[in-house]
Each structure stands twice: as C-alpha cells, then as structure tokens.
Amino acid sequence: MLAAVVFTVSGAACADPLDDIVNAEIARQQIPGAAIAVVREGKIVKEGAYGLANLEHRVAATPDTVFQSGSVGKQFTAALVLLLAEDGKLRLDDPIARHLPATPPAWKKISVRHLLNHTSGLRDPDEIVKLNQDYTDAQLQGAGSTLPLQWAPGTKWAYSNFGYQLLGILCTRVGGKHYGEQLRERIFAPAGMQARIISERDIVPHRAAGYDVVDGAFKNQEWVSPTLNTTADGSLYLTARDLAKWHIALDGDQVLGAALKRAMWTPTTLRDGSTKAYGFGWETSPTLGRASVWHDGAWQGFTTQATRFVDDKLVVVVLTNRSDAAVAKLLELVAAHYLGTPP
C-alpha cells in the first residue's frame, strides 16, 4: 500500500486533537507530507507539520518545510499589478498592448483587468509550449499569440494560467526589474516572508519533494524547464508560515491599502452584468457556508490552499506534496475545528 511507504501514524492520541484529525485525513488520502498554519484575529495560533517532506531520504515535514505554491501564487502577482497601478505606472483598463510589445491585432481589446480576472478570452498554449523547454518572454508570449481568442474580452470567464504569465512579463517591463525581485522587495520582505521564486538549481534549505502517483506508486515530480518554473501564474517556494504572515500583513496596510484589497476581493462583473466569484487572483465564493476569499494550487507534485474566513477573522493554510491530494477537504477539517461547525 502507498500508506506503508509514507509514514505510520502513532496509535497514541496527540496533545492537540486537531493533530489527530489531520493525521487521520493524511493517512486516509495517503499524502506523503503536509504543513498547516492557522491565523486567528491577526495571530498565528497553530503551526503543524505531518508525514514526510522527502520519501527517498525519509525527511520529516516541519513548520520550516518549503513547498511549491501552485496557483496560490497568483494573488501575489495580482497584488504587484495593483501596486504598480497605484504608482501610476499602469492602469487596470489599459490595453495590454500598451505595455507588451508585438501583440497581435486580436489582443487589441484585452486590458490588464481582463488578465487579472480571467476574462481575456485567451487560451492556454498547453499543446504548443513544452514544459521541458526554455522560453524567453517573447517566445512564450508569441506561442500564446498564435491561438485565436475563445470569445470577446470581458464577455465570459475562463481560468487562464497564460494570462497570469503575461502579467508577470508586463510587471517586469513596467516595473523595470524581474517581477520576482519586485515581489521580494514590495511584498515578501515587508510582510516578513521568506518566499521566493522557484529555482531547482539553488540550495534551498528544508525544500520538500513533490510527488505524483503513477500506476499505484509514488513518483518524483516531472522536471520543468527553469524559465517555465519562474512564471507569474504560481511559481513560488514558500512555507505555511509564509502564507500566514501574508494574511497577517493583509490585516494592516503595510503592503496593500484598503482600496487595493477591496479591488482584489471584489467579484468580477461580466459585460452582460452577470458576476463570477473571482476577483484579482482570489476566489470569492463561500467556504463551509461562510464568507471567504481563497485560492488553491497544484503544480509539480504539490497541492495547496489558503482560505481567509472574512467575518470570522480566521485564516487556514494547508500545503501538501501529493499532486492529487484533496487539499480542500483537509482545509475544511482544520477550519471546522476552529469554527465549531461540521466539515
């Protein structure tokens, strides 16, 4: 069984009943390792780590274990765009052609806002772009530009990783340095985070390995070229504590002011007046029947989710290193423990 390869849950009850709940769910899902963080009323009230960060070397997960963000990272790209807009370096309703070179005529009506809220009509060039091949920004943009739009910008909603990749290219051009360096200077450092762009060649202390399950056996994550592993659709190293600190920063205004947070967390209105429960890099739909803003992610053998329960002043972060883990279920179990409601 996969579970036998991963870890054995002790028969003794843990000091914190929540640890028993999490251990049981990780064993049920056969997740190699996980980390959680809980913030309540602006303070970290729980950090937990479970299972193994690395199966080959039998390294236990700890609160310092570094996971890959997946699309949880999109909210940081969105925040950077809003900061650049606040600086006056762009406007959300600018056509992206104003800031990106060599855009095709079909993109003329796509705005920065359309990229932020996934209403651009752009297709993801998954069948063109090879994950094991390096691309310059111009080549990546060019690959996507060969595909026709799905619909007129602003008329429908469809999740687009390519749209956020373009936002990273745009931020680099507008901000005058790589978007990842801007994230470090303007978001991560002020929030006290150690998060950073992925670099598989670097020595990264406490880095977890990500795993897929193939034919009933764990396999290491597939290799992705360096340039495609630094794009702005969610290519970050971070810990559960990093995301907790981000949410604590969002309680104040040291990174983002009230107007920018309100913009991020406002559902999208389409051209016909209908709405979609997605803002700028954040889902805005309820969790466990309660008002929340959140995002999940899946990339290179990792699945992640961070949810902010708006009215309850509660944040729950869950990071795992199994590509198909039901991370939402795990998060709901943790949240229910603090909310006093059934998951």
Protein backbone atom coordinates (compact mmCIF):
# COMPACT_ATOMS: atom_id res chain seq x y z
CA MET A 1 0.00 0.00 0.00
CA LEU A 2 1.07 3.58 -0.62
CA ALA A 3 0.43 4.46 3.01
CA ALA A 4 3.06 1.98 4.14
CA VAL A 5 5.63 3.82 2.05
CA VAL A 6 4.77 7.16 3.57
CA PHE A 7 4.60 7.05 7.34
CA THR A 8 2.92 5.33 10.23
CA VAL A 9 0.51 7.30 12.40
CA SER A 10 1.08 6.70 16.08
CA GLY A 11 -1.67 4.94 17.95
CA ALA A 12 -1.34 7.39 20.84
CA ALA A 13 -3.53 10.46 20.77
CA CYS A 14 -1.77 13.75 20.10
CA ALA A 15 -1.77 16.56 22.65
CA ASP A 16 -3.79 18.71 20.24
CA PRO A 17 -6.92 16.88 18.99
CA LEU A 18 -6.53 18.72 15.67
CA ASP A 19 -3.31 16.80 15.05
CA ASP A 20 -5.25 13.54 15.33
CA ILE A 21 -7.77 14.86 12.79
CA VAL A 22 -5.08 15.92 10.34
CA ASN A 23 -3.03 12.74 10.75
CA ALA A 24 -6.12 10.61 10.12
CA GLU A 25 -7.00 12.51 6.94
CA ILE A 26 -3.45 12.40 5.63
CA ALA A 27 -3.36 8.66 6.22
CA ARG A 28 -6.75 8.24 4.52
CA GLN A 29 -5.61 10.20 1.45
CA GLN A 30 -2.09 8.67 1.53
CA ILE A 31 -0.45 12.09 1.38
CA PRO A 32 3.33 11.93 1.95
CA GLY A 33 3.57 15.18 3.89
CA ALA A 34 1.69 18.33 4.82
CA ALA A 35 2.01 21.56 6.76
CA ILE A 36 -0.72 23.78 8.14
CA ALA A 37 -0.92 27.22 9.69
CA VAL A 38 -3.89 28.90 11.34
CA VAL A 39 -4.25 32.62 11.97
CA ARG A 40 -6.93 33.93 14.30
CA GLU A 41 -7.52 37.63 14.89
CA GLY A 42 -4.16 38.51 13.41
CA LYS A 43 -2.02 35.98 15.29
CA ILE A 44 -0.64 32.58 14.35
CA VAL A 45 -2.38 30.18 16.74
CA LYS A 46 -1.37 26.89 15.13
CA GLU A 47 1.52 25.54 13.09
CA GLY A 48 1.63 21.85 12.30
CA ALA A 49 3.64 19.51 10.10
CA TYR A 50 2.85 15.90 9.33
CA GLY A 51 4.37 12.99 7.43
CA LEU A 52 7.40 13.25 5.19
CA ALA A 53 8.84 16.12 3.20
CA ASN A 54 11.00 13.66 1.26
CA LEU A 55 10.26 9.97 0.80
CA GLU A 56 13.67 8.92 -0.51
CA HIS A 57 15.58 10.34 2.44
CA ARG A 58 12.79 9.85 5.00
CA VAL A 59 12.87 13.52 6.00
CA ALA A 60 10.02 14.56 8.25
CA ALA A 61 7.94 17.60 7.38
CA THR A 62 8.35 20.51 9.81
CA PRO A 63 6.89 24.02 10.03
CA ASP A 64 10.02 25.14 8.14
CA THR A 65 9.37 22.81 5.19
CA VAL A 66 9.31 24.68 1.88
CA PHE A 67 6.58 23.71 -0.58
CA GLN A 68 5.74 24.95 -4.07
CA SER A 69 2.81 27.35 -4.18
CA GLY A 70 0.98 26.39 -7.33
CA SER A 71 -1.68 28.93 -8.22
CA VAL A 72 -1.90 30.25 -4.66
CA GLY A 73 0.92 32.42 -6.02
CA LYS A 74 -1.41 34.27 -8.39
CA GLN A 75 -2.59 36.57 -5.60
CA PHE A 76 0.94 37.94 -5.23
CA THR A 77 1.15 38.71 -8.94
CA ALA A 78 -2.21 40.47 -8.70
CA ALA A 79 -1.03 42.44 -5.68
CA LEU A 80 2.07 43.59 -7.56
CA VAL A 81 -0.03 44.74 -10.52
CA LEU A 82 -2.21 46.78 -8.15
CA LEU A 83 0.86 48.34 -6.55
CA LEU A 84 2.22 49.32 -9.97
CA ALA A 85 -1.16 50.83 -10.79
CA GLU A 86 -1.06 52.77 -7.53
CA ASP A 87 2.40 54.02 -8.58
CA GLY A 88 0.85 55.36 -11.79
CA LYS A 89 2.92 53.05 -13.99
CA LEU A 90 -0.16 51.41 -15.48
CA ARG A 91 -3.94 51.50 -15.30
CA LEU A 92 -6.11 48.43 -14.94
CA ASP A 93 -8.10 49.37 -18.02
CA ASP A 94 -5.01 49.94 -20.15
CA PRO A 95 -4.89 47.66 -23.19
CA ILE A 96 -2.08 45.20 -22.61
CA ALA A 97 -0.67 46.21 -26.00
CA ARG A 98 0.38 49.48 -24.34
CA HIS A 99 2.83 47.60 -22.14
CA LEU A 100 3.69 44.45 -24.12
CA PRO A 101 5.47 44.55 -27.49
CA ALA A 102 4.40 42.67 -30.60
CA THR A 103 0.86 41.85 -29.52
CA PRO A 104 -1.41 40.55 -32.30
CA PRO A 105 -4.40 42.59 -33.52
CA ALA A 106 -6.78 40.12 -31.83
CA TRP A 107 -5.47 41.27 -28.44
CA LYS A 108 -6.25 44.93 -29.05
CA LYS A 109 -9.22 44.99 -26.65
CA ILE A 110 -7.64 42.89 -23.89
CA SER A 111 -6.97 45.01 -20.81
CA VAL A 112 -4.83 44.44 -17.73
CA ARG A 113 -8.07 43.95 -15.80
CA HIS A 114 -9.10 41.14 -18.16
CA LEU A 115 -5.88 39.27 -17.37
CA LEU A 116 -6.35 39.75 -13.63
CA ASN A 117 -9.88 38.36 -13.53
CA HIS A 118 -9.57 35.67 -16.25
CA THR A 119 -11.95 37.31 -18.73
CA SER A 120 -9.45 37.93 -21.54
CA GLY A 121 -10.61 35.08 -23.77
CA LEU A 122 -7.01 33.90 -24.12
CA ARG A 123 -6.32 30.20 -24.50
CA ASP A 124 -3.56 28.47 -22.57
CA PRO A 125 -0.96 27.29 -25.14
CA ASP A 126 -0.54 23.93 -23.41
CA GLU A 127 -0.32 21.97 -26.65
CA ILE A 128 2.34 24.30 -28.06
CA VAL A 129 4.56 25.03 -25.07
CA LYS A 130 6.76 22.10 -23.99
CA LEU A 131 7.38 22.05 -20.25
CA ASN A 132 10.93 20.71 -20.63
CA GLN A 133 11.98 23.52 -22.99
CA ASP A 134 13.18 27.01 -22.07
CA TYR A 135 11.40 30.06 -23.50
CA THR A 136 12.20 33.73 -23.48
CA ASP A 137 9.37 36.07 -22.52
CA ALA A 138 8.96 36.96 -26.19
CA GLN A 139 8.79 33.29 -27.21
CA LEU A 140 6.24 32.44 -24.54
CA GLN A 141 4.08 35.41 -25.45
CA GLY A 142 4.47 34.52 -29.12
CA ALA A 143 3.31 30.94 -28.55
CA GLY A 144 0.08 32.15 -26.99
CA SER A 145 -0.48 34.77 -29.66
CA THR A 146 -0.82 32.11 -32.35
CA LEU A 147 -4.10 30.87 -30.85
CA PRO A 148 -7.46 32.52 -31.60
CA LEU A 149 -9.41 34.06 -28.73
CA GLN A 150 -12.19 31.93 -27.27
CA TRP A 151 -14.53 34.95 -27.09
CA ALA A 152 -14.52 38.72 -26.89
CA PRO A 153 -12.70 40.05 -23.81
CA GLY A 154 -14.95 40.71 -20.84
CA THR A 155 -17.86 38.59 -22.04
CA LYS A 156 -17.07 35.24 -20.37
CA TRP A 157 -14.85 33.83 -17.63
CA ALA A 158 -12.31 31.02 -18.03
CA TYR A 159 -9.29 30.33 -15.85
CA SER A 160 -6.08 31.23 -17.67
CA ASN A 161 -2.56 30.49 -16.50
CA PHE A 162 -1.26 32.17 -19.64
CA GLY A 163 -2.98 35.40 -18.66
CA TYR A 164 -1.01 35.49 -15.41
CA GLN A 165 2.19 34.58 -17.22
CA LEU A 166 1.61 37.68 -19.35
CA LEU A 167 1.05 39.73 -16.20
CA GLY A 168 4.50 38.70 -14.98
CA ILE A 169 6.06 39.78 -18.27
CA LEU A 170 4.13 43.03 -18.07
CA CYS A 171 5.24 43.69 -14.46
CA THR A 172 8.87 43.10 -15.42
CA ARG A 173 8.62 45.64 -18.23
CA VAL A 174 6.64 48.24 -16.31
CA GLY A 175 8.49 47.84 -13.01
CA GLY A 176 11.96 47.88 -14.55
CA LYS A 177 13.20 44.63 -12.96
CA HIS A 178 12.16 40.98 -12.87
CA TYR A 179 8.73 40.59 -11.36
CA GLY A 180 10.12 38.12 -8.79
CA GLU A 181 12.54 40.71 -7.45
CA GLN A 182 9.66 43.18 -7.19
CA LEU A 183 7.65 40.62 -5.24
CA ARG A 184 10.55 40.21 -2.81
CA GLU A 185 11.03 43.95 -2.31
CA ARG A 186 7.42 45.10 -2.24
CA ILE A 187 5.51 42.17 -0.74
CA PHE A 188 7.57 39.37 0.77
CA ALA A 189 10.09 41.47 2.72
CA PRO A 190 7.54 43.94 4.15
CA ALA A 191 5.35 41.02 5.23
CA GLY A 192 8.28 39.20 6.85
CA MET A 193 8.06 36.30 4.41
CA GLN A 194 10.90 34.10 3.16
CA ALA A 195 9.01 33.20 -0.04
CA ARG A 196 10.87 33.32 -3.34
CA ILE A 197 10.71 32.31 -6.99
CA ILE A 198 11.37 28.63 -7.73
CA SER A 199 14.93 27.68 -8.64
CA GLU A 200 15.63 23.96 -8.69
CA ARG A 201 19.40 24.53 -9.10
CA ASP A 202 19.68 26.55 -5.89
CA ILE A 203 20.33 25.05 -2.47
CA VAL A 204 17.02 25.61 -0.68
CA PRO A 205 17.05 24.53 2.98
CA HIS A 206 14.06 22.44 4.05
CA ARG A 207 12.77 22.04 0.48
CA ALA A 208 10.15 19.31 0.13
CA ALA A 209 9.93 16.95 -2.82
CA GLY A 210 6.68 16.82 -4.77
CA TYR A 211 5.08 13.54 -5.79
CA ASP A 212 2.72 12.13 -8.37
CA VAL A 213 1.05 8.74 -8.14
CA VAL A 214 1.53 6.63 -11.27
CA ASP A 215 0.15 3.09 -11.52
CA GLY A 216 -0.27 2.95 -7.77
CA ALA A 217 3.28 4.06 -6.91
CA PHE A 218 4.78 7.37 -5.86
CA LYS A 219 6.95 9.06 -8.48
CA ASN A 220 9.02 12.22 -8.26
CA GLN A 221 7.55 15.33 -9.83
CA GLU A 222 8.26 15.84 -13.51
CA TRP A 223 11.10 18.20 -14.39
CA VAL A 224 10.09 21.61 -15.75
CA SER A 225 12.49 23.95 -17.53
CA PRO A 226 13.87 26.84 -15.44
CA THR A 227 12.12 29.59 -17.38
CA LEU A 228 8.72 27.90 -17.23
CA ASN A 229 9.21 27.39 -13.49
CA THR A 230 9.59 31.11 -12.82
CA THR A 231 6.40 32.40 -14.44
CA ALA A 232 3.89 34.57 -12.59
CA ASP A 233 1.00 32.10 -12.61
CA GLY A 234 2.27 30.47 -9.41
CA SER A 235 5.96 29.53 -9.31
CA LEU A 236 6.95 30.19 -5.71
CA TYR A 237 8.71 28.46 -2.85
CA LEU A 238 7.02 29.15 0.48
CA THR A 239 6.10 27.72 3.86
CA ALA A 240 2.75 27.60 5.60
CA ARG A 241 4.17 30.23 7.95
CA ASP A 242 4.92 32.50 4.97
CA LEU A 243 1.28 32.43 3.91
CA ALA A 244 0.19 33.04 7.49
CA LYS A 245 2.41 36.12 7.61
CA TRP A 246 0.96 37.32 4.31
CA HIS A 247 -2.53 37.15 5.73
CA ILE A 248 -1.43 38.96 8.88
CA ALA A 249 0.01 41.69 6.65
CA LEU A 250 -3.36 41.89 4.88
CA ASP A 251 -4.94 42.77 8.22
CA GLY A 252 -2.98 46.02 8.10
CA ASP A 253 -1.80 48.32 5.35
CA GLN A 254 1.97 47.83 5.32
CA VAL A 255 1.75 46.05 1.95
CA LEU A 256 -1.67 46.87 0.49
CA GLY A 257 -4.09 49.63 1.42
CA ALA A 258 -7.82 49.14 1.89
CA ALA A 259 -8.72 50.19 -1.66
CA LEU A 260 -6.34 47.67 -3.23
CA LYS A 261 -7.59 44.83 -1.04
CA ARG A 262 -11.17 45.73 -1.86
CA ALA A 263 -10.31 45.60 -5.57
CA MET A 264 -8.67 42.16 -5.19
CA TRP A 265 -11.64 40.70 -3.35
CA THR A 266 -14.48 42.13 -5.47
CA PRO A 267 -16.21 39.54 -7.69
CA THR A 268 -15.92 40.03 -11.44
CA THR A 269 -18.77 41.62 -13.38
CA LEU A 270 -19.05 40.47 -16.98
CA ARG A 271 -20.24 42.63 -19.83
CA ASP A 272 -23.80 41.27 -19.58
CA GLY A 273 -23.98 42.25 -15.91
CA SER A 274 -23.60 38.74 -14.51
CA THR A 275 -20.96 38.08 -11.88
CA LYS A 276 -18.28 35.48 -11.29
CA ALA A 277 -16.99 34.70 -7.79
CA TYR A 278 -13.40 35.60 -8.63
CA GLY A 279 -11.57 38.85 -8.03
CA PHE A 280 -7.92 39.51 -8.87
CA GLY A 281 -6.05 36.31 -8.02
CA TRP A 282 -8.61 35.29 -5.39
CA GLU A 283 -11.72 33.13 -5.40
CA THR A 284 -14.58 34.89 -3.59
CA SER A 285 -17.03 32.02 -3.07
CA PRO A 286 -18.10 30.81 0.41
CA THR A 287 -16.33 28.01 2.27
CA LEU A 288 -18.31 25.90 4.75
CA GLY A 289 -21.17 28.32 4.16
CA ARG A 290 -19.14 31.29 5.39
CA ALA A 291 -17.85 34.36 3.56
CA SER A 292 -14.32 33.70 2.39
CA VAL A 293 -11.64 34.62 -0.09
CA TRP A 294 -9.22 31.90 -1.07
CA HIS A 295 -7.17 30.17 -3.72
CA ASP A 296 -5.81 26.71 -4.28
CA GLY A 297 -2.92 25.48 -6.36
CA ALA A 298 -1.44 22.37 -7.96
CA TRP A 299 2.00 22.20 -9.56
CA GLN A 300 4.88 19.75 -9.79
CA GLY A 301 3.62 17.29 -7.24
CA PHE A 302 2.24 19.83 -4.76
CA THR A 303 -1.31 20.88 -3.87
CA THR A 304 -2.03 23.90 -1.72
CA GLN A 305 -4.81 26.10 -0.43
CA ALA A 306 -5.14 29.17 1.78
CA THR A 307 -8.57 30.42 2.85
CA ARG A 308 -9.46 33.63 4.65
CA PHE A 309 -12.79 33.48 6.51
CA VAL A 310 -13.64 37.15 6.29
CA ASP A 311 -16.20 37.56 9.08
CA ASP A 312 -14.60 35.02 11.41
CA LYS A 313 -11.14 36.63 11.37
CA LEU A 314 -9.74 33.18 10.65
CA VAL A 315 -7.17 32.04 8.09
CA VAL A 316 -6.31 28.41 7.33
CA VAL A 317 -3.32 27.37 5.22
CA VAL A 318 -2.69 23.81 4.01
CA LEU A 319 0.28 22.71 1.90
CA THR A 320 0.85 19.14 0.71
CA ASN A 321 3.32 17.28 -1.51
CA ARG A 322 0.97 14.97 -3.39
CA SER A 323 -0.26 16.21 -6.77
CA ASP A 324 -3.83 14.92 -6.47
CA ALA A 325 -4.41 15.47 -2.75
CA ALA A 326 -7.93 16.62 -1.86
CA VAL A 327 -6.50 19.66 -0.15
CA ALA A 328 -9.88 21.39 0.21
CA LYS A 329 -11.14 18.51 2.35
CA LEU A 330 -8.13 18.77 4.62
CA LEU A 331 -8.53 22.53 4.90
CA GLU A 332 -12.22 22.23 5.74
CA LEU A 333 -11.44 19.78 8.54
CA VAL A 334 -8.97 22.23 10.05
CA ALA A 335 -11.32 25.18 9.62
CA ALA A 336 -14.27 23.31 11.14
CA HIS A 337 -12.18 22.60 14.23
CA TYR A 338 -11.83 26.34 14.84
CA LEU A 339 -15.27 27.39 13.63
CA GLY A 340 -17.06 24.77 15.69
CA THR A 341 -19.03 23.51 12.70
CA PRO A 342 -19.14 20.11 10.98
CA PRO A 343 -16.85 19.90 7.91
